[in-house]
């Protein structure tokens, strides 16, 4: 009798077999890749405040912890957009959203 698959493997298999989940996982990975592509543009103190958020046809969202971080990030949008294009990430506009406290 074989032992049950470890939970991580069972989850990976379920993700691989579900078309909607595969698409979601691809968008999550693309969002993270986009953040990695612009991370070097972020000041060291800001890097820990920014997380990759949702990515869809309309926008790529960067999630930040506070309004000051959002303001600084907005100043960096032109440079980030250029860096993304240079690395082959064309398409939706970058949006910034402050996460609610709690």
N, C-alpha and C. Protein backbone atom coordinates (compact mmCIF):
# COMPACT_ATOMS: atom_id res chain seq x y z
N UNK A 1 0.85 -1.18 0.00
CA UNK A 1 0.00 0.00 0.00
C UNK A 1 0.89 1.24 0.00
N UNK A 2 0.62 2.16 -0.88
CA UNK A 2 1.44 3.37 -0.96
C UNK A 2 0.95 4.41 0.03
N UNK A 3 1.88 5.25 0.47
CA UNK A 3 1.52 6.30 1.41
C UNK A 3 0.90 7.45 0.64
N UNK A 4 0.05 8.23 1.31
CA UNK A 4 -0.58 9.37 0.61
C UNK A 4 0.46 10.39 0.19
N UNK A 5 0.15 11.11 -0.88
CA UNK A 5 1.05 12.16 -1.36
C UNK A 5 1.16 13.27 -0.33
N UNK A 6 2.37 13.83 -0.16
CA UNK A 6 2.50 14.96 0.77
C UNK A 6 1.55 16.08 0.34
N UNK A 7 1.08 16.87 1.29
CA UNK A 7 0.12 17.94 0.96
C UNK A 7 0.61 18.88 -0.14
N UNK A 8 1.88 19.22 -0.15
CA UNK A 8 2.40 20.14 -1.17
C UNK A 8 2.28 19.51 -2.56
N UNK A 9 2.56 18.24 -2.68
CA UNK A 9 2.45 17.57 -3.98
C UNK A 9 1.00 17.47 -4.41
N UNK A 10 0.14 17.16 -3.48
CA UNK A 10 -1.29 17.06 -3.80
C UNK A 10 -1.82 18.43 -4.27
N UNK A 11 -1.39 19.49 -3.61
CA UNK A 11 -1.80 20.83 -4.01
C UNK A 11 -1.26 21.17 -5.40
N UNK A 12 0.00 20.86 -5.64
CA UNK A 12 0.60 21.13 -6.95
C UNK A 12 -0.14 20.37 -8.04
N UNK A 13 -0.49 19.13 -7.77
CA UNK A 13 -1.23 18.33 -8.76
C UNK A 13 -2.61 18.94 -9.02
N UNK A 14 -3.27 19.39 -7.95
CA UNK A 14 -4.59 20.01 -8.10
C UNK A 14 -4.48 21.30 -8.92
N UNK A 15 -3.44 22.08 -8.66
CA UNK A 15 -3.24 23.32 -9.42
C UNK A 15 -2.99 23.02 -10.89
N UNK A 16 -2.20 21.99 -11.16
CA UNK A 16 -1.89 21.63 -12.54
C UNK A 16 -3.12 21.15 -13.31
N UNK A 17 -4.09 20.60 -12.61
CA UNK A 17 -5.26 20.02 -13.26
C UNK A 17 -6.45 20.98 -13.34
N UNK A 18 -6.30 22.17 -12.83
CA UNK A 18 -7.40 23.14 -12.85
C UNK A 18 -7.01 24.33 -13.72
N UNK A 19 -7.68 24.46 -14.85
CA UNK A 19 -7.36 25.54 -15.77
C UNK A 19 -7.46 26.93 -15.13
N UNK A 20 -8.53 27.23 -14.39
CA UNK A 20 -8.59 28.55 -13.75
C UNK A 20 -7.45 28.78 -12.75
N UNK A 21 -7.09 27.75 -12.02
CA UNK A 21 -6.01 27.90 -11.05
C UNK A 21 -4.66 28.03 -11.74
N UNK A 22 -4.47 27.35 -12.85
CA UNK A 22 -3.23 27.48 -13.61
C UNK A 22 -3.08 28.92 -14.09
N UNK A 23 -4.17 29.50 -14.60
CA UNK A 23 -4.13 30.89 -15.06
C UNK A 23 -3.82 31.85 -13.92
N UNK A 24 -4.44 31.60 -12.77
CA UNK A 24 -4.19 32.45 -11.60
C UNK A 24 -2.74 32.35 -11.17
N UNK A 25 -2.22 31.14 -11.12
CA UNK A 25 -0.82 30.94 -10.72
C UNK A 25 0.13 31.62 -11.70
N UNK A 26 -0.19 31.57 -12.98
CA UNK A 26 0.65 32.25 -13.98
C UNK A 26 0.65 33.75 -13.75
N UNK A 27 -0.51 34.33 -13.45
CA UNK A 27 -0.58 35.78 -13.20
C UNK A 27 0.18 36.16 -11.93
N UNK A 28 0.11 35.31 -10.91
CA UNK A 28 0.87 35.58 -9.68
C UNK A 28 2.36 35.57 -9.97
N UNK A 29 2.81 34.58 -10.72
CA UNK A 29 4.24 34.50 -11.06
C UNK A 29 4.68 35.68 -11.92
N UNK A 30 3.84 36.08 -12.87
CA UNK A 30 4.16 37.23 -13.71
C UNK A 30 4.23 38.51 -12.88
N UNK A 31 3.32 38.66 -11.94
CA UNK A 31 3.33 39.83 -11.07
C UNK A 31 4.61 39.88 -10.25
N UNK A 32 5.02 38.74 -9.72
CA UNK A 32 6.25 38.67 -8.94
C UNK A 32 7.47 38.94 -9.81
N UNK A 33 7.45 38.45 -11.05
CA UNK A 33 8.56 38.68 -11.98
C UNK A 33 8.66 40.17 -12.32
N UNK A 34 7.52 40.82 -12.48
CA UNK A 34 7.52 42.26 -12.76
C UNK A 34 8.15 43.02 -11.58
N UNK A 35 7.77 42.65 -10.37
CA UNK A 35 8.35 43.33 -9.21
C UNK A 35 9.86 43.10 -9.15
N UNK A 36 10.28 41.88 -9.42
CA UNK A 36 11.72 41.60 -9.43
C UNK A 36 12.44 42.43 -10.49
N UNK A 37 11.76 42.69 -11.60
CA UNK A 37 12.36 43.46 -12.70
C UNK A 37 12.58 44.92 -12.33
N UNK A 38 11.79 45.45 -11.40
CA UNK A 38 11.93 46.87 -11.03
C UNK A 38 12.51 47.04 -9.63
N UNK A 39 12.77 45.97 -8.93
CA UNK A 39 13.22 46.06 -7.54
C UNK A 39 14.47 46.91 -7.38
N UNK A 40 15.39 46.84 -8.34
CA UNK A 40 16.64 47.60 -8.23
C UNK A 40 16.40 49.10 -8.30
N UNK A 41 15.24 49.53 -8.81
CA UNK A 41 14.93 50.96 -8.88
C UNK A 41 14.40 51.50 -7.54
N UNK A 42 13.99 50.59 -6.67
CA UNK A 42 13.40 51.01 -5.40
C UNK A 42 14.49 51.30 -4.38
N UNK A 43 14.40 52.43 -3.68
CA UNK A 43 15.35 52.69 -2.61
C UNK A 43 15.27 51.55 -1.57
N UNK A 44 16.38 51.25 -0.95
CA UNK A 44 16.45 50.13 -0.01
C UNK A 44 15.35 50.18 1.04
N UNK A 45 15.07 51.36 1.57
CA UNK A 45 14.05 51.49 2.60
C UNK A 45 12.63 51.25 2.10
N UNK A 46 12.44 51.34 0.80
CA UNK A 46 11.11 51.17 0.21
C UNK A 46 10.84 49.73 -0.20
N UNK A 47 11.89 48.97 -0.47
CA UNK A 47 11.71 47.59 -0.97
C UNK A 47 10.86 46.73 -0.06
N UNK A 48 11.03 46.87 1.23
CA UNK A 48 10.27 46.07 2.17
C UNK A 48 8.81 46.49 2.31
N UNK A 49 8.48 47.65 1.75
CA UNK A 49 7.12 48.19 1.85
C UNK A 49 6.26 47.84 0.64
N UNK A 50 6.86 47.24 -0.39
CA UNK A 50 6.16 47.00 -1.66
C UNK A 50 5.99 45.51 -1.89
N UNK A 51 4.78 45.13 -2.29
CA UNK A 51 4.49 43.73 -2.64
C UNK A 51 3.83 43.69 -4.01
N UNK A 52 4.08 42.61 -4.71
CA UNK A 52 3.42 42.40 -6.00
C UNK A 52 1.96 42.10 -5.74
N UNK A 53 1.09 42.79 -6.46
CA UNK A 53 -0.34 42.59 -6.31
C UNK A 53 -0.94 41.97 -7.55
N UNK A 54 -2.24 42.10 -7.70
CA UNK A 54 -2.94 41.50 -8.84
C UNK A 54 -2.45 42.03 -10.19
N UNK A 55 -2.50 41.14 -11.17
CA UNK A 55 -2.16 41.48 -12.55
C UNK A 55 -3.28 40.96 -13.43
N UNK A 56 -3.84 41.86 -14.23
CA UNK A 56 -4.84 41.44 -15.21
C UNK A 56 -4.67 42.29 -16.46
N UNK A 57 -5.62 42.22 -17.37
CA UNK A 57 -5.51 42.97 -18.63
C UNK A 57 -5.56 44.48 -18.43
N UNK A 58 -6.16 44.94 -17.34
CA UNK A 58 -6.34 46.37 -17.11
C UNK A 58 -5.19 47.01 -16.35
N UNK A 59 -4.58 46.27 -15.41
CA UNK A 59 -3.54 46.89 -14.57
C UNK A 59 -2.71 45.84 -13.85
N UNK A 60 -1.52 46.29 -13.46
CA UNK A 60 -0.68 45.54 -12.52
C UNK A 60 -0.64 46.40 -11.27
N UNK A 61 -1.01 45.83 -10.15
CA UNK A 61 -1.11 46.58 -8.91
C UNK A 61 0.08 46.29 -8.02
N UNK A 62 0.69 47.35 -7.51
CA UNK A 62 1.71 47.25 -6.48
C UNK A 62 1.05 47.63 -5.16
N UNK A 63 1.22 46.78 -4.18
CA UNK A 63 0.62 47.00 -2.86
C UNK A 63 1.68 47.57 -1.94
N UNK A 64 1.34 48.66 -1.26
CA UNK A 64 2.28 49.30 -0.34
C UNK A 64 1.64 49.44 1.03
N UNK A 65 2.47 49.57 2.03
CA UNK A 65 1.99 49.57 3.41
C UNK A 65 1.50 50.91 3.91
N UNK A 66 1.89 52.01 3.25
CA UNK A 66 1.48 53.32 3.76
C UNK A 66 1.48 54.36 2.64
N UNK A 67 0.86 55.49 2.92
CA UNK A 67 0.71 56.56 1.93
C UNK A 67 2.05 57.17 1.52
N UNK A 68 2.99 57.27 2.45
CA UNK A 68 4.30 57.84 2.11
C UNK A 68 5.02 56.95 1.10
N UNK A 69 4.94 55.65 1.30
CA UNK A 69 5.56 54.72 0.35
C UNK A 69 4.87 54.82 -1.01
N UNK A 70 3.56 54.97 -1.01
CA UNK A 70 2.81 55.10 -2.26
C UNK A 70 3.24 56.36 -3.01
N UNK A 71 3.42 57.46 -2.29
CA UNK A 71 3.82 58.72 -2.93
C UNK A 71 5.20 58.58 -3.57
N UNK A 72 6.12 57.97 -2.87
CA UNK A 72 7.47 57.77 -3.43
C UNK A 72 7.41 56.85 -4.63
N UNK A 73 6.61 55.80 -4.54
CA UNK A 73 6.49 54.86 -5.65
C UNK A 73 5.89 55.54 -6.89
N UNK A 74 4.95 56.42 -6.68
CA UNK A 74 4.34 57.14 -7.81
C UNK A 74 5.39 58.00 -8.54
N UNK A 75 6.34 58.53 -7.79
CA UNK A 75 7.42 59.30 -8.41
C UNK A 75 8.30 58.42 -9.29
N UNK A 76 8.38 57.14 -8.94
CA UNK A 76 9.23 56.20 -9.67
C UNK A 76 8.53 55.52 -10.84
N UNK A 77 7.22 55.77 -11.01
CA UNK A 77 6.45 55.09 -12.06
C UNK A 77 7.05 55.23 -13.46
N UNK A 78 7.48 56.42 -13.89
CA UNK A 78 8.05 56.51 -15.25
C UNK A 78 9.29 55.62 -15.42
N UNK A 79 10.16 55.62 -14.44
CA UNK A 79 11.37 54.78 -14.52
C UNK A 79 11.01 53.30 -14.48
N UNK A 80 10.01 52.95 -13.66
CA UNK A 80 9.60 51.54 -13.58
C UNK A 80 8.98 51.09 -14.89
N UNK A 81 8.15 51.94 -15.50
CA UNK A 81 7.51 51.60 -16.77
C UNK A 81 8.56 51.38 -17.85
N UNK A 82 9.57 52.22 -17.88
CA UNK A 82 10.66 52.08 -18.85
C UNK A 82 11.42 50.79 -18.61
N UNK A 83 11.77 50.52 -17.36
CA UNK A 83 12.51 49.30 -17.03
C UNK A 83 11.71 48.04 -17.39
N UNK A 84 10.41 48.07 -17.13
CA UNK A 84 9.56 46.93 -17.47
C UNK A 84 9.57 46.70 -18.99
N UNK A 85 9.42 47.77 -19.75
CA UNK A 85 9.40 47.65 -21.22
C UNK A 85 10.74 47.13 -21.74
N UNK A 86 11.84 47.60 -21.16
CA UNK A 86 13.16 47.14 -21.59
C UNK A 86 13.36 45.65 -21.31
N UNK A 87 12.64 45.14 -20.33
CA UNK A 87 12.77 43.72 -19.98
C UNK A 87 11.65 42.87 -20.58
N UNK A 88 10.89 43.48 -21.49
CA UNK A 88 9.87 42.73 -22.22
C UNK A 88 8.51 42.67 -21.56
N UNK A 89 8.32 43.40 -20.48
CA UNK A 89 7.02 43.44 -19.81
C UNK A 89 6.22 44.63 -20.33
N UNK A 90 5.53 44.42 -21.42
CA UNK A 90 4.70 45.48 -21.96
C UNK A 90 3.27 45.22 -21.51
N UNK A 91 2.52 46.27 -21.39
CA UNK A 91 1.15 46.04 -21.03
C UNK A 91 0.84 46.51 -19.66
N UNK A 92 -0.21 46.14 -19.13
CA UNK A 92 -1.09 47.05 -18.43
C UNK A 92 -0.37 48.08 -17.56
N UNK A 93 -1.08 49.14 -17.34
CA UNK A 93 -0.57 50.25 -16.52
C UNK A 93 -0.29 49.77 -15.10
N UNK A 94 0.68 50.42 -14.48
CA UNK A 94 1.01 50.12 -13.09
C UNK A 94 0.14 50.98 -12.19
N UNK A 95 -0.52 50.37 -11.26
CA UNK A 95 -1.35 51.07 -10.26
C UNK A 95 -0.74 50.81 -8.89
N UNK A 96 -0.96 51.74 -8.00
CA UNK A 96 -0.44 51.61 -6.64
C UNK A 96 -1.60 51.67 -5.68
N UNK A 97 -1.62 50.73 -4.74
CA UNK A 97 -2.71 50.68 -3.78
C UNK A 97 -2.12 50.56 -2.37
N UNK A 98 -2.59 51.40 -1.48
CA UNK A 98 -2.18 51.33 -0.08
C UNK A 98 -3.04 50.28 0.62
N UNK A 99 -2.35 49.35 1.26
CA UNK A 99 -3.07 48.30 1.99
C UNK A 99 -3.70 48.87 3.24
N UNK A 100 -4.92 48.44 3.56
CA UNK A 100 -5.54 48.91 4.80
C UNK A 100 -4.78 48.36 6.01
N UNK A 101 -4.76 49.13 7.06
CA UNK A 101 -4.11 48.66 8.29
C UNK A 101 -4.97 47.62 8.95
N UNK A 102 -4.29 46.69 9.61
CA UNK A 102 -5.07 45.72 10.35
C UNK A 102 -4.63 44.38 10.22
